[in-house]
């Protein structure tokens, strides 16, 4: 999941002509964003 979603997010960043930081952020939030929502819901902090 982490690898696949990082690819998905980074590719969208490339398609939107983002720089390396923007592409990195999109890849990162796609890979870990859902897990953070889950953890906050479960009280895992």
ModelCIF file with pLDDT and N, C-alpha, C, O atoms, coordinates in Angstrom:
data_MODEL
#
_entry.id   MODEL 
#
_entity.id                         1 
_entity.type                       polymer 
_entity.pdbx_number_of_molecules   1 
#
_entity_poly.entity_id                      1 
_entity_poly.type                           'polypeptide(L)' 
_entity_poly.nstd_linkage                   no 
_entity_poly.nstd_monomer                   no 
_entity_poly.pdbx_seq_one_letter_code       
;(UNK)(UNK)(UNK)(UNK)(UNK)(UNK)(UNK)(UNK)(UNK)(UNK)(UNK)(UNK)(UNK)(UNK)(UNK)(UNK)
(UNK)(UNK)(UNK)(UNK)(UNK)(UNK)(UNK)(UNK)(UNK)(UNK)(UNK)(UNK)(UNK)(UNK)(UNK)(UNK)
(UNK)(UNK)(UNK)(UNK)(UNK)(UNK)(UNK)(UNK)(UNK)(UNK)(UNK)(UNK)(UNK)
;
_entity_poly.pdbx_seq_one_letter_code_can   XXXXXXXXXXXXXXXXXXXXXXXXXXXXXXXXXXXXXXXXXXXXX 
_entity_poly.pdbx_strand_id                 A 
#
loop_
_entity_poly_seq.entity_id 
_entity_poly_seq.num 
_entity_poly_seq.mon_id 
_entity_poly_seq.hetero 
1 1  UNK n 
1 2  UNK n 
1 3  UNK n 
1 4  UNK n 
1 5  UNK n 
1 6  UNK n 
1 7  UNK n 
1 8  UNK n 
1 9  UNK n 
1 10 UNK n 
1 11 UNK n 
1 12 UNK n 
1 13 UNK n 
1 14 UNK n 
1 15 UNK n 
1 16 UNK n 
1 17 UNK n 
1 18 UNK n 
1 19 UNK n 
1 20 UNK n 
1 21 UNK n 
1 22 UNK n 
1 23 UNK n 
1 24 UNK n 
1 25 UNK n 
1 26 UNK n 
1 27 UNK n 
1 28 UNK n 
1 29 UNK n 
1 30 UNK n 
1 31 UNK n 
1 32 UNK n 
1 33 UNK n 
1 34 UNK n 
1 35 UNK n 
1 36 UNK n 
1 37 UNK n 
1 38 UNK n 
1 39 UNK n 
1 40 UNK n 
1 41 UNK n 
1 42 UNK n 
1 43 UNK n 
1 44 UNK n 
1 45 UNK n 
#
_struct_asym.id          A 
_struct_asym.entity_id   1 
#
loop_
_ma_qa_metric.id 
_ma_qa_metric.mode 
_ma_qa_metric.name 
_ma_qa_metric.software_group_id 
_ma_qa_metric.type 
1 global pLDDT . pLDDT 
2 local  pLDDT . pLDDT 
#
_ma_qa_metric_global.metric_id      1 
_ma_qa_metric_global.metric_value   93.11 
_ma_qa_metric_global.model_id       1 
_ma_qa_metric_global.ordinal_id     1 
#
loop_
_ma_qa_metric_local.label_asym_id 
_ma_qa_metric_local.label_comp_id 
_ma_qa_metric_local.label_seq_id 
_ma_qa_metric_local.metric_id 
_ma_qa_metric_local.metric_value 
_ma_qa_metric_local.model_id 
_ma_qa_metric_local.ordinal_id 
A UNK 1  2 92.00 1 1  
A UNK 2  2 94.00 1 2  
A UNK 3  2 93.00 1 3  
A UNK 4  2 90.00 1 4  
A UNK 5  2 93.00 1 5  
A UNK 6  2 94.00 1 6  
A UNK 7  2 91.00 1 7  
A UNK 8  2 88.00 1 8  
A UNK 9  2 92.00 1 9  
A UNK 10 2 92.00 1 10 
A UNK 11 2 86.00 1 11 
A UNK 12 2 88.00 1 12 
A UNK 13 2 91.00 1 13 
A UNK 14 2 87.00 1 14 
A UNK 15 2 84.00 1 15 
A UNK 16 2 87.00 1 16 
A UNK 17 2 87.00 1 17 
A UNK 18 2 93.00 1 18 
A UNK 19 2 94.00 1 19 
A UNK 20 2 96.00 1 20 
A UNK 21 2 97.00 1 21 
A UNK 22 2 96.00 1 22 
A UNK 23 2 96.00 1 23 
A UNK 24 2 97.00 1 24 
A UNK 25 2 96.00 1 25 
A UNK 26 2 96.00 1 26 
A UNK 27 2 96.00 1 27 
A UNK 28 2 96.00 1 28 
A UNK 29 2 96.00 1 29 
A UNK 30 2 94.00 1 30 
A UNK 31 2 95.00 1 31 
A UNK 32 2 95.00 1 32 
A UNK 33 2 95.00 1 33 
A UNK 34 2 95.00 1 34 
A UNK 35 2 94.00 1 35 
A UNK 36 2 95.00 1 36 
A UNK 37 2 95.00 1 37 
A UNK 38 2 96.00 1 38 
A UNK 39 2 95.00 1 39 
A UNK 40 2 95.00 1 40 
A UNK 41 2 95.00 1 41 
A UNK 42 2 95.00 1 42 
A UNK 43 2 94.00 1 43 
A UNK 44 2 93.00 1 44 
A UNK 45 2 91.00 1 45 
#
loop_
_atom_site.group_PDB 
_atom_site.id 
_atom_site.type_symbol 
_atom_site.label_atom_id 
_atom_site.label_alt_id 
_atom_site.label_comp_id 
_atom_site.label_asym_id 
_atom_site.label_entity_id 
_atom_site.label_seq_id 
_atom_site.pdbx_PDB_ins_code 
_atom_site.Cartn_x 
_atom_site.Cartn_y 
_atom_site.Cartn_z 
_atom_site.occupancy 
_atom_site.B_iso_or_equiv 
_atom_site.pdbx_formal_charge 
_atom_site.auth_seq_id 
_atom_site.auth_comp_id 
_atom_site.auth_asym_id 
_atom_site.auth_atom_id 
_atom_site.pdbx_PDB_model_num 
ATOM 1   N N  . UNK A 1 1  ? 0.804   -1.218 0.000   1.00 92.00 ? 1  UNK A N  1 
ATOM 2   C CA . UNK A 1 1  ? 0.000   0.000  0.000   1.00 92.00 ? 1  UNK A CA 1 
ATOM 3   C C  . UNK A 1 1  ? 0.834   1.264  0.000   1.00 92.00 ? 1  UNK A C  1 
ATOM 4   O O  . UNK A 1 1  ? 0.544   2.204  -0.740  1.00 92.00 ? 1  UNK A O  1 
ATOM 5   N N  . UNK A 1 2  ? 1.862   1.292  0.822   1.00 94.00 ? 2  UNK A N  1 
ATOM 6   C CA . UNK A 1 2  ? 2.718   2.483  0.902   1.00 94.00 ? 2  UNK A CA 1 
ATOM 7   C C  . UNK A 1 2  ? 3.412   2.753  -0.430  1.00 94.00 ? 2  UNK A C  1 
ATOM 8   O O  . UNK A 1 2  ? 3.431   3.891  -0.899  1.00 94.00 ? 2  UNK A O  1 
ATOM 9   N N  . UNK A 1 3  ? 3.978   1.726  -1.034  1.00 93.00 ? 3  UNK A N  1 
ATOM 10  C CA . UNK A 1 3  ? 4.680   1.884  -2.304  1.00 93.00 ? 3  UNK A CA 1 
ATOM 11  C C  . UNK A 1 3  ? 3.732   2.306  -3.421  1.00 93.00 ? 3  UNK A C  1 
ATOM 12  O O  . UNK A 1 3  ? 4.025   3.229  -4.180  1.00 93.00 ? 3  UNK A O  1 
ATOM 13  N N  . UNK A 1 4  ? 2.597   1.625  -3.513  1.00 90.00 ? 4  UNK A N  1 
ATOM 14  C CA . UNK A 1 4  ? 1.653   1.904  -4.593  1.00 90.00 ? 4  UNK A CA 1 
ATOM 15  C C  . UNK A 1 4  ? 1.079   3.308  -4.489  1.00 90.00 ? 4  UNK A C  1 
ATOM 16  O O  . UNK A 1 4  ? 0.975   4.008  -5.495  1.00 90.00 ? 4  UNK A O  1 
ATOM 17  N N  . UNK A 1 5  ? 0.709   3.725  -3.293  1.00 93.00 ? 5  UNK A N  1 
ATOM 18  C CA . UNK A 1 5  ? 0.114   5.050  -3.135  1.00 93.00 ? 5  UNK A CA 1 
ATOM 19  C C  . UNK A 1 5  ? 1.151   6.160  -3.263  1.00 93.00 ? 5  UNK A C  1 
ATOM 20  O O  . UNK A 1 5  ? 0.825   7.256  -3.719  1.00 93.00 ? 5  UNK A O  1 
ATOM 21  N N  . UNK A 1 6  ? 2.383   5.896  -2.872  1.00 94.00 ? 6  UNK A N  1 
ATOM 22  C CA . UNK A 1 6  ? 3.436   6.903  -3.079  1.00 94.00 ? 6  UNK A CA 1 
ATOM 23  C C  . UNK A 1 6  ? 3.649   7.140  -4.574  1.00 94.00 ? 6  UNK A C  1 
ATOM 24  O O  . UNK A 1 6  ? 3.827   8.278  -5.007  1.00 94.00 ? 6  UNK A O  1 
ATOM 25  N N  . UNK A 1 7  ? 3.630   6.066  -5.357  1.00 91.00 ? 7  UNK A N  1 
ATOM 26  C CA . UNK A 1 7  ? 3.742   6.198  -6.815  1.00 91.00 ? 7  UNK A CA 1 
ATOM 27  C C  . UNK A 1 7  ? 2.571   7.008  -7.358  1.00 91.00 ? 7  UNK A C  1 
ATOM 28  O O  . UNK A 1 7  ? 2.757   7.906  -8.180  1.00 91.00 ? 7  UNK A O  1 
ATOM 29  N N  . UNK A 1 8  ? 1.373   6.690  -6.902  1.00 88.00 ? 8  UNK A N  1 
ATOM 30  C CA . UNK A 1 8  ? 0.172   7.377  -7.358  1.00 88.00 ? 8  UNK A CA 1 
ATOM 31  C C  . UNK A 1 8  ? 0.243   8.878  -7.077  1.00 88.00 ? 8  UNK A C  1 
ATOM 32  O O  . UNK A 1 8  ? -0.026  9.695  -7.958  1.00 88.00 ? 8  UNK A O  1 
ATOM 33  N N  . UNK A 1 9  ? 0.605   9.230  -5.850  1.00 92.00 ? 9  UNK A N  1 
ATOM 34  C CA . UNK A 1 9  ? 0.675   10.648 -5.489  1.00 92.00 ? 9  UNK A CA 1 
ATOM 35  C C  . UNK A 1 9  ? 1.772   11.389 -6.217  1.00 92.00 ? 9  UNK A C  1 
ATOM 36  O O  . UNK A 1 9  ? 1.572   12.513 -6.678  1.00 92.00 ? 9  UNK A O  1 
ATOM 37  N N  . UNK A 1 10 ? 2.934   10.762 -6.322  1.00 92.00 ? 10 UNK A N  1 
ATOM 38  C CA . UNK A 1 10 ? 4.056   11.428 -6.993  1.00 92.00 ? 10 UNK A CA 1 
ATOM 39  C C  . UNK A 1 10 ? 3.775   11.639 -8.470  1.00 92.00 ? 10 UNK A C  1 
ATOM 40  O O  . UNK A 1 10 ? 4.139   12.674 -9.029  1.00 92.00 ? 10 UNK A O  1 
ATOM 41  N N  . UNK A 1 11 ? 3.134   10.674 -9.107  1.00 86.00 ? 11 UNK A N  1 
ATOM 42  C CA . UNK A 1 11 ? 2.832   10.836 -10.525 1.00 86.00 ? 11 UNK A CA 1 
ATOM 43  C C  . UNK A 1 11 ? 1.868   11.985 -10.759 1.00 86.00 ? 11 UNK A C  1 
ATOM 44  O O  . UNK A 1 11 ? 2.002   12.723 -11.735 1.00 86.00 ? 11 UNK A O  1 
ATOM 45  N N  . UNK A 1 12 ? 0.896   12.140 -9.867  1.00 88.00 ? 12 UNK A N  1 
ATOM 46  C CA . UNK A 1 12 ? -0.019  13.275 -10.004 1.00 88.00 ? 12 UNK A CA 1 
ATOM 47  C C  . UNK A 1 12 ? 0.739   14.590 -9.848  1.00 88.00 ? 12 UNK A C  1 
ATOM 48  O O  . UNK A 1 12 ? 0.453   15.564 -10.544 1.00 88.00 ? 12 UNK A O  1 
ATOM 49  N N  . UNK A 1 13 ? 1.705   14.613 -8.935  1.00 91.00 ? 13 UNK A N  1 
ATOM 50  C CA . UNK A 1 13 ? 2.520   15.812 -8.781  1.00 91.00 ? 13 UNK A CA 1 
ATOM 51  C C  . UNK A 1 13 ? 3.286   16.148 -10.050 1.00 91.00 ? 13 UNK A C  1 
ATOM 52  O O  . UNK A 1 13 ? 3.390   17.315 -10.429 1.00 91.00 ? 13 UNK A O  1 
ATOM 53  N N  . UNK A 1 14 ? 3.822   15.120 -10.709 1.00 87.00 ? 14 UNK A N  1 
ATOM 54  C CA . UNK A 1 14 ? 4.524   15.329 -11.975 1.00 87.00 ? 14 UNK A CA 1 
ATOM 55  C C  . UNK A 1 14 ? 3.557   15.853 -13.033 1.00 87.00 ? 14 UNK A C  1 
ATOM 56  O O  . UNK A 1 14 ? 3.886   16.782 -13.770 1.00 87.00 ? 14 UNK A O  1 
ATOM 57  N N  . UNK A 1 15 ? 2.374   15.263 -13.110 1.00 84.00 ? 15 UNK A N  1 
ATOM 58  C CA . UNK A 1 15 ? 1.396   15.691 -14.095 1.00 84.00 ? 15 UNK A CA 1 
ATOM 59  C C  . UNK A 1 15 ? 0.905   17.114 -13.869 1.00 84.00 ? 15 UNK A C  1 
ATOM 60  O O  . UNK A 1 15 ? 0.512   17.796 -14.816 1.00 84.00 ? 15 UNK A O  1 
ATOM 61  N N  . UNK A 1 16 ? 0.924   17.562 -12.626 1.00 87.00 ? 16 UNK A N  1 
ATOM 62  C CA . UNK A 1 16 ? 0.506   18.935 -12.305 1.00 87.00 ? 16 UNK A CA 1 
ATOM 63  C C  . UNK A 1 16 ? 1.679   19.910 -12.353 1.00 87.00 ? 16 UNK A C  1 
ATOM 64  O O  . UNK A 1 16 ? 1.557   21.056 -11.920 1.00 87.00 ? 16 UNK A O  1 
ATOM 65  N N  . UNK A 1 17 ? 2.819   19.451 -12.882 1.00 87.00 ? 17 UNK A N  1 
ATOM 66  C CA . UNK A 1 17 ? 4.029   20.277 -13.051 1.00 87.00 ? 17 UNK A CA 1 
ATOM 67  C C  . UNK A 1 17 ? 4.534   20.835 -11.727 1.00 87.00 ? 17 UNK A C  1 
ATOM 68  O O  . UNK A 1 17 ? 5.018   21.966 -11.682 1.00 87.00 ? 17 UNK A O  1 
ATOM 69  N N  . UNK A 1 18 ? 4.431   20.073 -10.665 1.00 93.00 ? 18 UNK A N  1 
ATOM 70  C CA . UNK A 1 18 ? 4.954   20.497 -9.372  1.00 93.00 ? 18 UNK A CA 1 
ATOM 71  C C  . UNK A 1 18 ? 6.461   20.276 -9.314  1.00 93.00 ? 18 UNK A C  1 
ATOM 72  O O  . UNK A 1 18 ? 7.009   19.437 -10.029 1.00 93.00 ? 18 UNK A O  1 
ATOM 73  N N  . UNK A 1 19 ? 7.115   21.042 -8.451  1.00 94.00 ? 19 UNK A N  1 
ATOM 74  C CA . UNK A 1 19 ? 8.552   20.836 -8.277  1.00 94.00 ? 19 UNK A CA 1 
ATOM 75  C C  . UNK A 1 19 ? 8.779   19.611 -7.396  1.00 94.00 ? 19 UNK A C  1 
ATOM 76  O O  . UNK A 1 19 ? 7.832   18.930 -7.003  1.00 94.00 ? 19 UNK A O  1 
ATOM 77  N N  . UNK A 1 20 ? 10.034  19.342 -7.095  1.00 96.00 ? 20 UNK A N  1 
ATOM 78  C CA . UNK A 1 20 ? 10.369  18.116 -6.377  1.00 96.00 ? 20 UNK A CA 1 
ATOM 79  C C  . UNK A 1 20 ? 9.718   18.076 -4.997  1.00 96.00 ? 20 UNK A C  1 
ATOM 80  O O  . UNK A 1 20 ? 9.304   17.014 -4.534  1.00 96.00 ? 20 UNK A O  1 
ATOM 81  N N  . UNK A 1 21 ? 9.629   19.242 -4.338  1.00 97.00 ? 21 UNK A N  1 
ATOM 82  C CA . UNK A 1 21 ? 9.016   19.258 -3.006  1.00 97.00 ? 21 UNK A CA 1 
ATOM 83  C C  . UNK A 1 21 ? 7.516   18.977 -3.094  1.00 97.00 ? 21 UNK A C  1 
ATOM 84  O O  . UNK A 1 21 ? 6.979   18.189 -2.316  1.00 97.00 ? 21 UNK A O  1 
ATOM 85  N N  . UNK A 1 22 ? 6.848   19.624 -4.043  1.00 96.00 ? 22 UNK A N  1 
ATOM 86  C CA . UNK A 1 22 ? 5.423   19.392 -4.208  1.00 96.00 ? 22 UNK A CA 1 
ATOM 87  C C  . UNK A 1 22 ? 5.111   17.950 -4.548  1.00 96.00 ? 22 UNK A C  1 
ATOM 88  O O  . UNK A 1 22 ? 4.156   17.374 -4.026  1.00 96.00 ? 22 UNK A O  1 
ATOM 89  N N  . UNK A 1 23 ? 5.916   17.366 -5.424  1.00 96.00 ? 23 UNK A N  1 
ATOM 90  C CA . UNK A 1 23 ? 5.740   15.965 -5.797  1.00 96.00 ? 23 UNK A CA 1 
ATOM 91  C C  . UNK A 1 23 ? 5.956   15.051 -4.597  1.00 96.00 ? 23 UNK A C  1 
ATOM 92  O O  . UNK A 1 23 ? 5.227   14.079 -4.394  1.00 96.00 ? 23 UNK A O  1 
ATOM 93  N N  . UNK A 1 24 ? 6.977   15.386 -3.804  1.00 97.00 ? 24 UNK A N  1 
ATOM 94  C CA . UNK A 1 24 ? 7.265   14.601 -2.610  1.00 97.00 ? 24 UNK A CA 1 
ATOM 95  C C  . UNK A 1 24 ? 6.107   14.663 -1.617  1.00 97.00 ? 24 UNK A C  1 
ATOM 96  O O  . UNK A 1 24 ? 5.728   13.647 -1.035  1.00 97.00 ? 24 UNK A O  1 
ATOM 97  N N  . UNK A 1 25 ? 5.549   15.855 -1.426  1.00 96.00 ? 25 UNK A N  1 
ATOM 98  C CA . UNK A 1 25 ? 4.435   16.014 -0.487  1.00 96.00 ? 25 UNK A CA 1 
ATOM 99  C C  . UNK A 1 25 ? 3.226   15.201 -0.940  1.00 96.00 ? 25 UNK A C  1 
ATOM 100 O O  . UNK A 1 25 ? 2.586   14.537 -0.125  1.00 96.00 ? 25 UNK A O  1 
ATOM 101 N N  . UNK A 1 26 ? 2.908   15.249 -2.244  1.00 96.00 ? 26 UNK A N  1 
ATOM 102 C CA . UNK A 1 26 ? 1.760   14.486 -2.734  1.00 96.00 ? 26 UNK A CA 1 
ATOM 103 C C  . UNK A 1 26 ? 1.970   12.983 -2.547  1.00 96.00 ? 26 UNK A C  1 
ATOM 104 O O  . UNK A 1 26 ? 1.057   12.272 -2.127  1.00 96.00 ? 26 UNK A O  1 
ATOM 105 N N  . UNK A 1 27 ? 3.162   12.508 -2.857  1.00 96.00 ? 27 UNK A N  1 
ATOM 106 C CA . UNK A 1 27 ? 3.442   11.097 -2.661  1.00 96.00 ? 27 UNK A CA 1 
ATOM 107 C C  . UNK A 1 27 ? 3.341   10.693 -1.198  1.00 96.00 ? 27 UNK A C  1 
ATOM 108 O O  . UNK A 1 27 ? 2.831   9.621  -0.871  1.00 96.00 ? 27 UNK A O  1 
ATOM 109 N N  . UNK A 1 28 ? 3.833   11.561 -0.326  1.00 96.00 ? 28 UNK A N  1 
ATOM 110 C CA . UNK A 1 28 ? 3.850   11.253 1.102   1.00 96.00 ? 28 UNK A CA 1 
ATOM 111 C C  . UNK A 1 28 ? 2.446   11.251 1.696   1.00 96.00 ? 28 UNK A C  1 
ATOM 112 O O  . UNK A 1 28 ? 2.088   10.322 2.420   1.00 96.00 ? 28 UNK A O  1 
ATOM 113 N N  . UNK A 1 29 ? 1.645   12.274 1.401   1.00 96.00 ? 29 UNK A N  1 
ATOM 114 C CA . UNK A 1 29 ? 0.310   12.332 2.006   1.00 96.00 ? 29 UNK A CA 1 
ATOM 115 C C  . UNK A 1 29 ? -0.595  11.230 1.456   1.00 96.00 ? 29 UNK A C  1 
ATOM 116 O O  . UNK A 1 29 ? -1.477  10.743 2.164   1.00 96.00 ? 29 UNK A O  1 
ATOM 117 N N  . UNK A 1 30 ? -0.383  10.835 0.200   1.00 94.00 ? 30 UNK A N  1 
ATOM 118 C CA . UNK A 1 30 ? -1.188  9.742  -0.355  1.00 94.00 ? 30 UNK A CA 1 
ATOM 119 C C  . UNK A 1 30 ? -0.869  8.438  0.368   1.00 94.00 ? 30 UNK A C  1 
ATOM 120 O O  . UNK A 1 30 ? -1.758  7.627  0.627   1.00 94.00 ? 30 UNK A O  1 
ATOM 121 N N  . UNK A 1 31 ? 0.400   8.248  0.689   1.00 95.00 ? 31 UNK A N  1 
ATOM 122 C CA . UNK A 1 31 ? 0.841   7.006  1.319   1.00 95.00 ? 31 UNK A CA 1 
ATOM 123 C C  . UNK A 1 31 ? 0.494   6.924  2.802   1.00 95.00 ? 31 UNK A C  1 
ATOM 124 O O  . UNK A 1 31 ? 0.181   5.841  3.296   1.00 95.00 ? 31 UNK A O  1 
ATOM 125 N N  . UNK A 1 32 ? 0.541   8.046  3.521   1.00 95.00 ? 32 UNK A N  1 
ATOM 126 C CA . UNK A 1 32 ? 0.351   7.974  4.975   1.00 95.00 ? 32 UNK A CA 1 
ATOM 127 C C  . UNK A 1 32 ? -0.870  8.740  5.469   1.00 95.00 ? 32 UNK A C  1 
ATOM 128 O O  . UNK A 1 32 ? -1.231  8.634  6.642   1.00 95.00 ? 32 UNK A O  1 
ATOM 129 N N  . UNK A 1 33 ? -1.512  9.513  4.590   1.00 95.00 ? 33 UNK A N  1 
ATOM 130 C CA . UNK A 1 33 ? -2.632  10.340 5.032   1.00 95.00 ? 33 UNK A CA 1 
ATOM 131 C C  . UNK A 1 33 ? -3.799  9.541  5.577   1.00 95.00 ? 33 UNK A C  1 
ATOM 132 O O  . UNK A 1 33 ? -4.352  9.877  6.624   1.00 95.00 ? 33 UNK A O  1 
ATOM 133 N N  . UNK A 1 34 ? -4.178  8.481  4.869   1.00 95.00 ? 34 UNK A N  1 
ATOM 134 C CA . UNK A 1 34 ? -5.292  7.658  5.333   1.00 95.00 ? 34 UNK A CA 1 
ATOM 135 C C  . UNK A 1 34 ? -5.001  6.986  6.659   1.00 95.00 ? 34 UNK A C  1 
ATOM 136 O O  . UNK A 1 34 ? -5.880  6.885  7.515   1.00 95.00 ? 34 UNK A O  1 
ATOM 137 N N  . UNK A 1 35 ? -3.770  6.526  6.834   1.00 94.00 ? 35 UNK A N  1 
ATOM 138 C CA . UNK A 1 35 ? -3.381  5.900  8.089   1.00 94.00 ? 35 UNK A CA 1 
ATOM 139 C C  . UNK A 1 35 ? -3.416  6.872  9.258   1.00 94.00 ? 35 UNK A C  1 
ATOM 140 O O  . UNK A 1 35 ? -3.719  6.483  10.386  1.00 94.00 ? 35 UNK A O  1 
ATOM 141 N N  . UNK A 1 36 ? -3.108  8.128  8.993   1.00 95.00 ? 36 UNK A N  1 
ATOM 142 C CA . UNK A 1 36 ? -3.161  9.132  10.053  1.00 95.00 ? 36 UNK A CA 1 
ATOM 143 C C  . UNK A 1 36 ? -4.601  9.382  10.485  1.00 95.00 ? 36 UNK A C  1 
ATOM 144 O O  . UNK A 1 36 ? -4.876  9.534  11.675  1.00 95.00 ? 36 UNK A O  1 
ATOM 145 N N  . UNK A 1 37 ? -5.529  9.426  9.515   1.00 95.00 ? 37 UNK A N  1 
ATOM 146 C CA . UNK A 1 37 ? -6.951  9.574  9.853   1.00 95.00 ? 37 UNK A CA 1 
ATOM 147 C C  . UNK A 1 37 ? -7.412  8.402  10.716  1.00 95.00 ? 37 UNK A C  1 
ATOM 148 O O  . UNK A 1 37 ? -8.115  8.585  11.710  1.00 95.00 ? 37 UNK A O  1 
ATOM 149 N N  . UNK A 1 38 ? -7.007  7.204  10.322  1.00 96.00 ? 38 UNK A N  1 
ATOM 150 C CA . UNK A 1 38 ? -7.355  6.003  11.088  1.00 96.00 ? 38 UNK A CA 1 
ATOM 151 C C  . UNK A 1 38 ? -6.819  6.068  12.511  1.00 96.00 ? 38 UNK A C  1 
ATOM 152 O O  . UNK A 1 38 ? -7.551  5.804  13.466  1.00 96.00 ? 38 UNK A O  1 
ATOM 153 N N  . UNK A 1 39 ? -5.554  6.417  12.654  1.00 95.00 ? 39 UNK A N  1 
ATOM 154 C CA . UNK A 1 39 ? -4.934  6.433  13.973  1.00 95.00 ? 39 UNK A CA 1 
ATOM 155 C C  . UNK A 1 39 ? -5.572  7.480  14.883  1.00 95.00 ? 39 UNK A C  1 
ATOM 156 O O  . UNK A 1 39 ? -5.784  7.225  16.069  1.00 95.00 ? 39 UNK A O  1 
ATOM 157 N N  . UNK A 1 40 ? -5.875  8.650  14.337  1.00 95.00 ? 40 UNK A N  1 
ATOM 158 C CA . UNK A 1 40 ? -6.527  9.682  15.141  1.00 95.00 ? 40 UNK A CA 1 
ATOM 159 C C  . UNK A 1 40 ? -7.919  9.232  15.566  1.00 95.00 ? 40 UNK A C  1 
ATOM 160 O O  . UNK A 1 40 ? -8.351  9.524  16.681  1.00 95.00 ? 40 UNK A O  1 
ATOM 161 N N  . UNK A 1 41 ? -8.623  8.524  14.689  1.00 95.00 ? 41 UNK A N  1 
ATOM 162 C CA . UNK A 1 41 ? -9.942  7.990  15.030  1.00 95.00 ? 41 UNK A CA 1 
ATOM 163 C C  . UNK A 1 41 ? -9.852  6.987  16.168  1.00 95.00 ? 41 UNK A C  1 
ATOM 164 O O  . UNK A 1 41 ? -10.714 6.960  17.047  1.00 95.00 ? 41 UNK A O  1 
ATOM 165 N N  . UNK A 1 42 ? -8.810  6.162  16.152  1.00 95.00 ? 42 UNK A N  1 
ATOM 166 C CA . UNK A 1 42 ? -8.640  5.123  17.165  1.00 95.00 ? 42 UNK A CA 1 
ATOM 167 C C  . UNK A 1 42 ? -7.938  5.618  18.427  1.00 95.00 ? 42 UNK A C  1 
ATOM 168 O O  . UNK A 1 42 ? -7.758  4.856  19.377  1.00 95.00 ? 42 UNK A O  1 
ATOM 169 N N  . UNK A 1 43 ? -7.540  6.892  18.438  1.00 94.00 ? 43 UNK A N  1 
ATOM 170 C CA . UNK A 1 43 ? -6.854  7.432  19.598  1.00 94.00 ? 43 UNK A CA 1 
ATOM 171 C C  . UNK A 1 43 ? -5.402  7.039  19.695  1.00 94.00 ? 43 UNK A C  1 
ATOM 172 O O  . UNK A 1 43 ? -4.809  7.078  20.772  1.00 94.00 ? 43 UNK A O  1 
ATOM 173 N N  . UNK A 1 44 ? -4.820  6.654  18.553  1.00 93.00 ? 44 UNK A N  1 
ATOM 174 C CA . UNK A 1 44 ? -3.399  6.305  18.509  1.00 93.00 ? 44 UNK A CA 1 
ATOM 175 C C  . UNK A 1 44 ? -2.606  7.584  18.228  1.00 93.00 ? 44 UNK A C  1 
ATOM 176 O O  . UNK A 1 44 ? -2.546  8.044  17.088  1.00 93.00 ? 44 UNK A O  1 
ATOM 177 N N  . UNK A 1 45 ? -2.014  8.142  19.250  1.00 91.00 ? 45 UNK A N  1 
ATOM 178 C CA . UNK A 1 45 ? -1.262  9.388  19.095  1.00 91.00 ? 45 UNK A CA 1 
ATOM 179 C C  . UNK A 1 45 ? 0.124   9.236  19.724  1.00 91.00 ? 45 UNK A C  1 
ATOM 180 O O  . UNK A 1 45 ? 0.918   10.177 19.701  1.00 91.00 ? 45 UNK A O  1 
#
